[in-house]
Amino acid sequence: MKKALLFITSAVFILAGCQDEQTPSANETQQAAAVASAVEVGSNDGHSANTALDWNGTYIGTLPCADCQGIETKITLNHDGSYSIQQAYLGKENGTFESQGQLSWNDQGNTITLENESGANHYFVGENILFMLDMNGERIQGDLAQHYQLRKQ
């Protein structure tokens, strides 16, 4: 009797551990890898996105817009600390803007600030990706978080 009870209890624990897990999509896996890479780069071993990543280049994406169809955004980051940004507000007449200036890095070397821009002008730098940050410099969370990313071309 004790052996049967022990066997049943063991079987229940084994079966409980065999739950189906959902396989993440390729996009979710890529995003997780980019975030993990960016987190690893920001470790305390002296490496940062600024020093360890090939961050210079052109990043493109369409950011959400409250009163238009989206904001096509192109940011070019240069090794000399300069940047240029081009934004087109989709569905808006005269909705194209261009500017340039200098960028600065935070103390951890993982976030840039576009100095001449107003509004949300902070970006977390990952491997081949920029994550637009909110007005408080925090990563955007929730269902729309994936829409606040610019991919390196």
C-alpha atoms as a PDB file:
ATOM      1  CA  MET A   1       0.000   0.000   0.000  1.00  0.00           C
ATOM      2  CA  LYS A   2       2.786   2.411   0.928  1.00  0.00           C
ATOM      3  CA  LYS A   3       4.642   1.571  -2.285  1.00  0.00           C
ATOM      4  CA  ALA A   4       1.536   2.305  -4.390  1.00  0.00           C
ATOM      5  CA  LEU A   5       0.988   5.640  -2.628  1.00  0.00           C
ATOM      6  CA  LEU A   6       4.650   6.570  -3.085  1.00  0.00           C
ATOM      7  CA  PHE A   7       4.462   5.591  -6.783  1.00  0.00           C
ATOM      8  CA  ILE A   8       1.302   7.682  -7.360  1.00  0.00           C
ATOM      9  CA  THR A   9       2.798  10.697  -5.571  1.00  0.00           C
ATOM     10  CA  SER A  10       5.991  10.453  -7.637  1.00  0.00           C
ATOM     11  CA  ALA A  11       3.989  10.175 -10.861  1.00  0.00           C
ATOM     12  CA  VAL A  12       1.992  13.299  -9.991  1.00  0.00           C
ATOM     13  CA  PHE A  13       5.185  15.314  -9.420  1.00  0.00           C
ATOM     14  CA  ILE A  14       6.735  14.066 -12.651  1.00  0.00           C
ATOM     15  CA  LEU A  15       3.631  14.875 -14.686  1.00  0.00           C
ATOM     16  CA  ALA A  16       3.300  18.317 -13.074  1.00  0.00           C
ATOM     17  CA  GLY A  17       6.799  19.155 -14.317  1.00  0.00           C
ATOM     18  CA  CYS A  18       5.919  18.185 -17.904  1.00  0.00           C
ATOM     19  CA  GLN A  19       3.797  21.173 -18.843  1.00  0.00           C
ATOM     20  CA  ASP A  20       3.663  22.472 -22.411  1.00  0.00           C
ATOM     21  CA  GLU A  21       5.715  25.599 -22.942  1.00  0.00           C
ATOM     22  CA  GLN A  22       5.053  28.025 -25.753  1.00  0.00           C
ATOM     23  CA  THR A  23       7.914  28.550 -28.145  1.00  0.00           C
ATOM     24  CA  PRO A  24       8.732  32.263 -28.471  1.00  0.00           C
ATOM     25  CA  SER A  25       8.413  33.792 -31.921  1.00  0.00           C
ATOM     26  CA  ALA A  26      11.534  34.684 -33.880  1.00  0.00           C
ATOM     27  CA  ASN A  27      10.831  38.392 -33.220  1.00  0.00           C
ATOM     28  CA  GLU A  28      10.493  37.817 -29.452  1.00  0.00           C
ATOM     29  CA  THR A  29      13.689  35.767 -29.434  1.00  0.00           C
ATOM     30  CA  GLN A  30      15.549  38.487 -31.367  1.00  0.00           C
ATOM     31  CA  GLN A  31      14.263  41.191 -29.008  1.00  0.00           C
ATOM     32  CA  ALA A  32      15.243  39.161 -25.949  1.00  0.00           C
ATOM     33  CA  ALA A  33      18.723  38.622 -27.394  1.00  0.00           C
ATOM     34  CA  ALA A  34      19.121  42.339 -28.097  1.00  0.00           C
ATOM     35  CA  VAL A  35      18.037  43.246 -24.566  1.00  0.00           C
ATOM     36  CA  ALA A  36      20.265  40.557 -23.045  1.00  0.00           C
ATOM     37  CA  SER A  37      23.183  41.785 -25.128  1.00  0.00           C
ATOM     38  CA  ALA A  38      22.567  45.359 -24.048  1.00  0.00           C
ATOM     39  CA  VAL A  39      22.278  44.334 -20.395  1.00  0.00           C
ATOM     40  CA  GLU A  40      25.494  42.305 -20.575  1.00  0.00           C
ATOM     41  CA  VAL A  41      27.295  45.208 -22.220  1.00  0.00           C
ATOM     42  CA  GLY A  42      26.247  47.466 -19.328  1.00  0.00           C
ATOM     43  CA  SER A  43      27.924  45.262 -16.711  1.00  0.00           C
ATOM     44  CA  ASN A  44      30.468  46.520 -14.200  1.00  0.00           C
ATOM     45  CA  ASP A  45      33.513  45.140 -16.034  1.00  0.00           C
ATOM     46  CA  GLY A  46      34.282  48.438 -17.752  1.00  0.00           C
ATOM     47  CA  HIS A  47      32.410  47.575 -20.934  1.00  0.00           C
ATOM     48  CA  SER A  48      29.403  49.551 -22.093  1.00  0.00           C
ATOM     49  CA  ALA A  49      27.363  50.013 -25.239  1.00  0.00           C
ATOM     50  CA  ASN A  50      29.516  53.055 -25.919  1.00  0.00           C
ATOM     51  CA  THR A  51      32.787  51.109 -25.768  1.00  0.00           C
ATOM     52  CA  ALA A  52      31.813  47.545 -26.741  1.00  0.00           C
ATOM     53  CA  LEU A  53      29.148  47.872 -29.435  1.00  0.00           C
ATOM     54  CA  ASP A  54      29.404  49.034 -33.029  1.00  0.00           C
ATOM     55  CA  TRP A  55      26.745  51.675 -32.311  1.00  0.00           C
ATOM     56  CA  ASN A  56      27.508  54.185 -35.057  1.00  0.00           C
ATOM     57  CA  GLY A  57      25.327  53.927 -38.151  1.00  0.00           C
ATOM     58  CA  THR A  58      21.782  54.556 -39.324  1.00  0.00           C
ATOM     59  CA  TYR A  59      18.694  53.361 -37.436  1.00  0.00           C
ATOM     60  CA  ILE A  60      15.252  53.325 -39.034  1.00  0.00           C
ATOM     61  CA  GLY A  61      11.720  52.623 -37.845  1.00  0.00           C
ATOM     62  CA  THR A  62       8.197  53.967 -37.580  1.00  0.00           C
ATOM     63  CA  LEU A  63       7.341  55.276 -34.126  1.00  0.00           C
ATOM     64  CA  PRO A  64       3.776  55.607 -32.823  1.00  0.00           C
ATOM     65  CA  CYS A  65       2.038  58.967 -33.214  1.00  0.00           C
ATOM     66  CA  ALA A  66      -0.929  60.287 -31.222  1.00  0.00           C
ATOM     67  CA  ASP A  67      -2.466  62.277 -34.076  1.00  0.00           C
ATOM     68  CA  CYS A  68      -1.043  60.698 -37.243  1.00  0.00           C
ATOM     69  CA  GLN A  69      -0.422  57.293 -38.796  1.00  0.00           C
ATOM     70  CA  GLY A  70       3.119  57.060 -37.447  1.00  0.00           C
ATOM     71  CA  ILE A  71       6.447  58.837 -37.481  1.00  0.00           C
ATOM     72  CA  GLU A  72       8.960  57.437 -39.952  1.00  0.00           C
ATOM     73  CA  THR A  73      12.242  58.061 -38.161  1.00  0.00           C
ATOM     74  CA  LYS A  74      15.820  57.830 -39.387  1.00  0.00           C
ATOM     75  CA  ILE A  75      18.650  58.550 -36.952  1.00  0.00           C
ATOM     76  CA  THR A  76      22.286  58.502 -38.003  1.00  0.00           C
ATOM     77  CA  LEU A  77      24.864  58.299 -35.194  1.00  0.00           C
ATOM     78  CA  ASN A  78      28.462  59.225 -35.987  1.00  0.00           C
ATOM     79  CA  HIS A  79      31.688  58.255 -34.195  1.00  0.00           C
ATOM     80  CA  ASP A  80      32.511  61.926 -33.622  1.00  0.00           C
ATOM     81  CA  GLY A  81      29.450  62.266 -31.350  1.00  0.00           C
ATOM     82  CA  SER A  82      27.249  63.985 -33.901  1.00  0.00           C
ATOM     83  CA  TYR A  83      23.859  62.815 -35.102  1.00  0.00           C
ATOM     84  CA  SER A  84      21.242  63.661 -37.681  1.00  0.00           C
ATOM     85  CA  ILE A  85      17.565  62.851 -37.460  1.00  0.00           C
ATOM     86  CA  GLN A  86      14.870  62.853 -40.116  1.00  0.00           C
ATOM     87  CA  GLN A  87      11.219  62.436 -39.161  1.00  0.00           C
ATOM     88  CA  ALA A  88       8.157  62.240 -41.411  1.00  0.00           C
ATOM     89  CA  TYR A  89       4.741  62.448 -39.749  1.00  0.00           C
ATOM     90  CA  LEU A  90       2.662  60.148 -41.938  1.00  0.00           C
ATOM     91  CA  GLY A  91      -0.609  61.639 -43.152  1.00  0.00           C
ATOM     92  CA  LYS A  92       0.387  65.193 -42.178  1.00  0.00           C
ATOM     93  CA  GLU A  93       0.931  67.980 -44.646  1.00  0.00           C
ATOM     94  CA  ASN A  94       4.320  69.646 -44.099  1.00  0.00           C
ATOM     95  CA  GLY A  95       5.133  66.921 -41.578  1.00  0.00           C
ATOM     96  CA  THR A  96       8.803  66.390 -42.428  1.00  0.00           C
ATOM     97  CA  PHE A  97      11.510  67.556 -40.032  1.00  0.00           C
ATOM     98  CA  GLU A  98      15.290  67.291 -40.043  1.00  0.00           C
ATOM     99  CA  SER A  99      17.865  68.322 -37.492  1.00  0.00           C
ATOM    100  CA  GLN A 100      21.348  67.511 -36.303  1.00  0.00           C
ATOM    101  CA  GLY A 101      23.476  68.034 -33.259  1.00  0.00           C
ATOM    102  CA  GLN A 102      25.664  66.330 -30.710  1.00  0.00           C
ATOM    103  CA  LEU A 103      24.798  63.263 -28.685  1.00  0.00           C
ATOM    104  CA  SER A 104      25.898  62.488 -25.159  1.00  0.00           C
ATOM    105  CA  TRP A 105      26.174  59.207 -23.240  1.00  0.00           C
ATOM    106  CA  ASN A 106      24.921  58.575 -19.711  1.00  0.00           C
ATOM    107  CA  ASP A 107      27.380  57.522 -16.974  1.00  0.00           C
ATOM    108  CA  GLN A 108      26.715  53.811 -17.582  1.00  0.00           C
ATOM    109  CA  GLY A 109      27.457  54.228 -21.301  1.00  0.00           C
ATOM    110  CA  ASN A 110      24.221  52.551 -22.434  1.00  0.00           C
ATOM    111  CA  THR A 111      21.892  55.482 -23.160  1.00  0.00           C
ATOM    112  CA  ILE A 112      22.312  58.411 -25.515  1.00  0.00           C
ATOM    113  CA  THR A 113      20.659  61.811 -25.432  1.00  0.00           C
ATOM    114  CA  LEU A 114      20.165  63.775 -28.638  1.00  0.00           C
ATOM    115  CA  GLU A 115      21.110  67.189 -27.281  1.00  0.00           C
ATOM    116  CA  ASN A 116      19.273  69.489 -29.717  1.00  0.00           C
ATOM    117  CA  GLU A 117      15.943  67.629 -29.632  1.00  0.00           C
ATOM    118  CA  SER A 118      12.901  68.390 -27.510  1.00  0.00           C
ATOM    119  CA  GLY A 119      10.506  65.835 -26.088  1.00  0.00           C
ATOM    120  CA  ALA A 120      11.603  62.225 -25.734  1.00  0.00           C
ATOM    121  CA  ASN A 121      15.202  62.402 -26.902  1.00  0.00           C
ATOM    122  CA  HIS A 122      16.762  59.513 -24.959  1.00  0.00           C
ATOM    123  CA  TYR A 123      17.568  56.126 -26.529  1.00  0.00           C
ATOM    124  CA  PHE A 124      18.848  52.935 -24.920  1.00  0.00           C
ATOM    125  CA  VAL A 125      21.548  51.474 -27.185  1.00  0.00           C
ATOM    126  CA  GLY A 126      21.483  47.720 -27.842  1.00  0.00           C
ATOM    127  CA  GLU A 127      23.129  45.482 -30.410  1.00  0.00           C
ATOM    128  CA  ASN A 128      21.888  46.918 -33.756  1.00  0.00           C
ATOM    129  CA  ILE A 129      18.865  48.547 -32.097  1.00  0.00           C
ATOM    130  CA  LEU A 130      17.828  51.781 -30.397  1.00  0.00           C
ATOM    131  CA  PHE A 131      15.021  51.653 -27.846  1.00  0.00           C
ATOM    132  CA  MET A 132      13.268  55.012 -27.546  1.00  0.00           C
ATOM    133  CA  LEU A 133      12.819  55.927 -23.880  1.00  0.00           C
ATOM    134  CA  ASP A 134       9.949  57.842 -22.292  1.00  0.00           C
ATOM    135  CA  MET A 135      10.177  61.401 -20.931  1.00  0.00           C
ATOM    136  CA  ASN A 136      11.630  60.030 -17.655  1.00  0.00           C
ATOM    137  CA  GLY A 137      14.345  58.066 -19.434  1.00  0.00           C
ATOM    138  CA  GLU A 138      12.640  54.714 -18.781  1.00  0.00           C
ATOM    139  CA  ARG A 139      12.021  51.852 -21.211  1.00  0.00           C
ATOM    140  CA  ILE A 140       8.496  51.944 -22.626  1.00  0.00           C
ATOM    141  CA  GLN A 141       6.452  48.995 -21.364  1.00  0.00           C
ATOM    142  CA  GLY A 142       3.218  47.346 -22.431  1.00  0.00           C
ATOM    143  CA  ASP A 143       1.646  46.261 -25.687  1.00  0.00           C
ATOM    144  CA  LEU A 144       3.207  49.050 -27.767  1.00  0.00           C
ATOM    145  CA  ALA A 145       6.772  48.642 -26.442  1.00  0.00           C
ATOM    146  CA  GLN A 146       7.961  46.882 -29.615  1.00  0.00           C
ATOM    147  CA  HIS A 147       6.886  49.906 -31.677  1.00  0.00           C
ATOM    148  CA  TYR A 148       9.422  52.164 -29.945  1.00  0.00           C
ATOM    149  CA  GLN A 149      12.444  50.532 -31.577  1.00  0.00           C
ATOM    150  CA  LEU A 150      14.680  51.644 -34.404  1.00  0.00           C
ATOM    151  CA  ARG A 151      16.721  48.987 -36.219  1.00  0.00           C
ATOM    152  CA  LYS A 152      20.222  49.504 -37.553  1.00  0.00           C
ATOM    153  CA  GLN A 153      20.467  49.337 -41.348  1.00  0.00           C
END
